[in-house]
Amino acid sequence: LQVPEPTVMDSQVIGTILYVDHFGNLVSNIRREHLENWKTNPADPLIRLERDGSLRFIDFGISQTYTDCLPGHGVILWGSNGFLEVALHGGNAATKFKSKPGETLALDWRSVHERI
């Protein structure tokens, strides 16, 4: 299966949700190597999950484990397959965020003023 490449720009990486795994995690097409050349700290981007301009989930930074947040809350982390994913501590992220493959997962290092 050919995985589409995310769009990598000066201050953003824009990927796509590829599939929902059997736990309900939303698996994207963003891999660690897409973040290797950032001059800023890759642990603290603003991360948005959206569909047709409608925000589904927002978080700051990439967590290390599923338990880096409270039960029932979303978390962004590297999955065992090497892709960035949106998960829900103790639950199903696809159901909670009403999300599906094809949605946008964007990492944004721009300042708040640049995003407005």
C-alpha atoms as a PDB file:
ATOM      1  CA  LEU A   1       0.000   0.000   0.000  1.00  0.00           C
ATOM      2  CA  GLN A   2       1.421   3.370  -1.059  1.00  0.00           C
ATOM      3  CA  VAL A   3       1.175   5.936   1.768  1.00  0.00           C
ATOM      4  CA  PRO A   4       0.640   9.519   0.553  1.00  0.00           C
ATOM      5  CA  GLU A   5       3.238  12.005   1.762  1.00  0.00           C
ATOM      6  CA  PRO A   6       2.128  14.838   4.044  1.00  0.00           C
ATOM      7  CA  THR A   7       2.655  18.438   2.975  1.00  0.00           C
ATOM      8  CA  VAL A   8       5.757  19.837   4.694  1.00  0.00           C
ATOM      9  CA  MET A   9       6.089  23.645   4.775  1.00  0.00           C
ATOM     10  CA  ASP A  10       8.278  26.133   6.654  1.00  0.00           C
ATOM     11  CA  SER A  11       6.182  26.079   9.824  1.00  0.00           C
ATOM     12  CA  GLN A  12       3.571  23.380   9.250  1.00  0.00           C
ATOM     13  CA  VAL A  13       3.163  19.712   8.445  1.00  0.00           C
ATOM     14  CA  ILE A  14      -0.262  18.824   7.083  1.00  0.00           C
ATOM     15  CA  GLY A  15      -1.130  15.155   6.997  1.00  0.00           C
ATOM     16  CA  THR A  16      -4.140  12.932   6.555  1.00  0.00           C
ATOM     17  CA  ILE A  17      -5.786  10.304   8.708  1.00  0.00           C
ATOM     18  CA  LEU A  18      -5.120   7.046   6.829  1.00  0.00           C
ATOM     19  CA  TYR A  19      -7.150   4.599   8.872  1.00  0.00           C
ATOM     20  CA  VAL A  20      -8.733   3.795  12.216  1.00  0.00           C
ATOM     21  CA  ASP A  21      -7.067   0.874  14.012  1.00  0.00           C
ATOM     22  CA  HIS A  22      -8.924  -1.760  16.053  1.00  0.00           C
ATOM     23  CA  PHE A  23      -8.572   0.371  19.225  1.00  0.00           C
ATOM     24  CA  GLY A  24     -10.202   3.380  17.538  1.00  0.00           C
ATOM     25  CA  ASN A  25      -6.922   5.306  17.195  1.00  0.00           C
ATOM     26  CA  LEU A  26      -6.721   7.647  14.194  1.00  0.00           C
ATOM     27  CA  VAL A  27      -3.495   6.806  12.348  1.00  0.00           C
ATOM     28  CA  SER A  28      -1.988   9.532  10.139  1.00  0.00           C
ATOM     29  CA  ASN A  29       0.579   9.579   7.346  1.00  0.00           C
ATOM     30  CA  ILE A  30       3.018  11.724   9.400  1.00  0.00           C
ATOM     31  CA  ARG A  31       6.274   9.955  10.348  1.00  0.00           C
ATOM     32  CA  ARG A  32       9.107  11.100  12.630  1.00  0.00           C
ATOM     33  CA  GLU A  33      11.358  11.882   9.678  1.00  0.00           C
ATOM     34  CA  HIS A  34       8.879  14.557   8.552  1.00  0.00           C
ATOM     35  CA  LEU A  35       9.806  16.474  11.726  1.00  0.00           C
ATOM     36  CA  GLU A  36      13.584  15.926  11.747  1.00  0.00           C
ATOM     37  CA  ASN A  37      14.513  19.225  10.097  1.00  0.00           C
ATOM     38  CA  TRP A  38      12.590  21.567  12.384  1.00  0.00           C
ATOM     39  CA  LYS A  39      14.661  24.316  13.943  1.00  0.00           C
ATOM     40  CA  THR A  40      12.075  24.731  16.708  1.00  0.00           C
ATOM     41  CA  ASN A  41      11.271  22.102  19.317  1.00  0.00           C
ATOM     42  CA  PRO A  42       9.142  19.418  17.596  1.00  0.00           C
ATOM     43  CA  ALA A  43       7.582  18.508  20.948  1.00  0.00           C
ATOM     44  CA  ASP A  44       5.402  21.605  21.140  1.00  0.00           C
ATOM     45  CA  PRO A  45       3.450  22.290  17.948  1.00  0.00           C
ATOM     46  CA  LEU A  46      -0.236  23.155  17.972  1.00  0.00           C
ATOM     47  CA  ILE A  47      -1.960  20.064  16.578  1.00  0.00           C
ATOM     48  CA  ARG A  48      -5.386  20.191  14.939  1.00  0.00           C
ATOM     49  CA  LEU A  49      -7.651  17.396  13.735  1.00  0.00           C
ATOM     50  CA  GLU A  50     -10.243  18.788  11.357  1.00  0.00           C
ATOM     51  CA  ARG A  51     -12.704  17.883   8.620  1.00  0.00           C
ATOM     52  CA  ASP A  52     -13.943  20.402   6.055  1.00  0.00           C
ATOM     53  CA  GLY A  53     -12.723  23.263   8.244  1.00  0.00           C
ATOM     54  CA  SER A  54     -14.559  21.931  11.315  1.00  0.00           C
ATOM     55  CA  LEU A  55     -12.270  21.410  14.306  1.00  0.00           C
ATOM     56  CA  ARG A  56     -12.551  17.919  15.866  1.00  0.00           C
ATOM     57  CA  PHE A  57      -9.683  17.998  18.376  1.00  0.00           C
ATOM     58  CA  ILE A  58      -6.837  20.307  19.330  1.00  0.00           C
ATOM     59  CA  ASP A  59      -3.764  19.686  21.484  1.00  0.00           C
ATOM     60  CA  PHE A  60      -0.268  21.011  22.115  1.00  0.00           C
ATOM     61  CA  GLY A  61       2.757  18.788  21.695  1.00  0.00           C
ATOM     62  CA  ILE A  62       3.357  15.103  21.163  1.00  0.00           C
ATOM     63  CA  SER A  63       2.966  12.824  24.167  1.00  0.00           C
ATOM     64  CA  GLN A  64       5.078   9.801  25.062  1.00  0.00           C
ATOM     65  CA  THR A  65       2.308   7.455  26.237  1.00  0.00           C
ATOM     66  CA  TYR A  66      -1.461   7.025  26.144  1.00  0.00           C
ATOM     67  CA  THR A  67      -1.605   7.849  29.852  1.00  0.00           C
ATOM     68  CA  ASP A  68      -0.031  11.311  29.505  1.00  0.00           C
ATOM     69  CA  CYS A  69      -3.562  12.681  29.799  1.00  0.00           C
ATOM     70  CA  LEU A  70      -6.586  11.991  31.980  1.00  0.00           C
ATOM     71  CA  PRO A  71      -8.890   9.055  31.150  1.00  0.00           C
ATOM     72  CA  GLY A  72     -11.385  10.040  28.468  1.00  0.00           C
ATOM     73  CA  HIS A  73      -9.121  12.734  27.013  1.00  0.00           C
ATOM     74  CA  GLY A  74      -7.352  12.777  23.665  1.00  0.00           C
ATOM     75  CA  VAL A  75      -3.636  12.429  23.168  1.00  0.00           C
ATOM     76  CA  ILE A  76      -1.284  12.731  20.162  1.00  0.00           C
ATOM     77  CA  LEU A  77       1.605  10.252  20.080  1.00  0.00           C
ATOM     78  CA  TRP A  78       3.806   8.083  17.910  1.00  0.00           C
ATOM     79  CA  GLY A  79       2.181   4.709  17.310  1.00  0.00           C
ATOM     80  CA  SER A  80       4.074   1.432  17.206  1.00  0.00           C
ATOM     81  CA  ASN A  81       3.946   1.601  13.389  1.00  0.00           C
ATOM     82  CA  GLY A  82       5.961   4.853  13.403  1.00  0.00           C
ATOM     83  CA  PHE A  83       3.082   7.108  12.380  1.00  0.00           C
ATOM     84  CA  LEU A  84       1.610   9.959  14.407  1.00  0.00           C
ATOM     85  CA  GLU A  85      -1.832   9.102  15.766  1.00  0.00           C
ATOM     86  CA  VAL A  86      -4.703  10.577  17.728  1.00  0.00           C
ATOM     87  CA  ALA A  87      -5.788   8.315  20.572  1.00  0.00           C
ATOM     88  CA  LEU A  88      -8.162   8.466  23.514  1.00  0.00           C
ATOM     89  CA  HIS A  89      -6.963   7.386  26.962  1.00  0.00           C
ATOM     90  CA  GLY A  90      -9.199   4.410  27.737  1.00  0.00           C
ATOM     91  CA  GLY A  91     -11.499   4.860  24.765  1.00  0.00           C
ATOM     92  CA  ASN A  92     -12.123   5.120  21.049  1.00  0.00           C
ATOM     93  CA  ALA A  93     -10.844   8.368  19.466  1.00  0.00           C
ATOM     94  CA  ALA A  94     -12.709   7.827  16.186  1.00  0.00           C
ATOM     95  CA  THR A  95     -16.023   7.641  18.043  1.00  0.00           C
ATOM     96  CA  LYS A  96     -15.284  10.432  20.545  1.00  0.00           C
ATOM     97  CA  PHE A  97     -14.149  12.926  17.892  1.00  0.00           C
ATOM     98  CA  LYS A  98     -16.552  11.671  15.187  1.00  0.00           C
ATOM     99  CA  SER A  99     -13.548  11.264  12.882  1.00  0.00           C
ATOM    100  CA  LYS A 100     -12.688   9.020   9.968  1.00  0.00           C
ATOM    101  CA  PRO A 101      -9.994   8.458   7.328  1.00  0.00           C
ATOM    102  CA  GLY A 102      -9.371  11.388   5.014  1.00  0.00           C
ATOM    103  CA  GLU A 103      -9.503  14.068   7.702  1.00  0.00           C
ATOM    104  CA  THR A 104      -6.650  16.545   8.164  1.00  0.00           C
ATOM    105  CA  LEU A 105      -4.084  16.305  10.965  1.00  0.00           C
ATOM    106  CA  ALA A 106      -1.988  19.491  11.016  1.00  0.00           C
ATOM    107  CA  LEU A 107       1.060  20.354  13.111  1.00  0.00           C
ATOM    108  CA  ASP A 108       1.674  24.088  13.322  1.00  0.00           C
ATOM    109  CA  TRP A 109       4.731  25.861  14.739  1.00  0.00           C
ATOM    110  CA  ARG A 110       3.622  29.376  13.767  1.00  0.00           C
ATOM    111  CA  SER A 111       3.078  31.899  16.529  1.00  0.00           C
ATOM    112  CA  VAL A 112      -0.472  32.586  17.663  1.00  0.00           C
ATOM    113  CA  HIS A 113      -0.391  35.951  15.842  1.00  0.00           C
ATOM    114  CA  GLU A 114       0.533  34.278  12.551  1.00  0.00           C
ATOM    115  CA  ARG A 115      -2.408  31.847  12.842  1.00  0.00           C
ATOM    116  CA  ILE A 116      -5.041  34.583  13.109  1.00  0.00           C
END
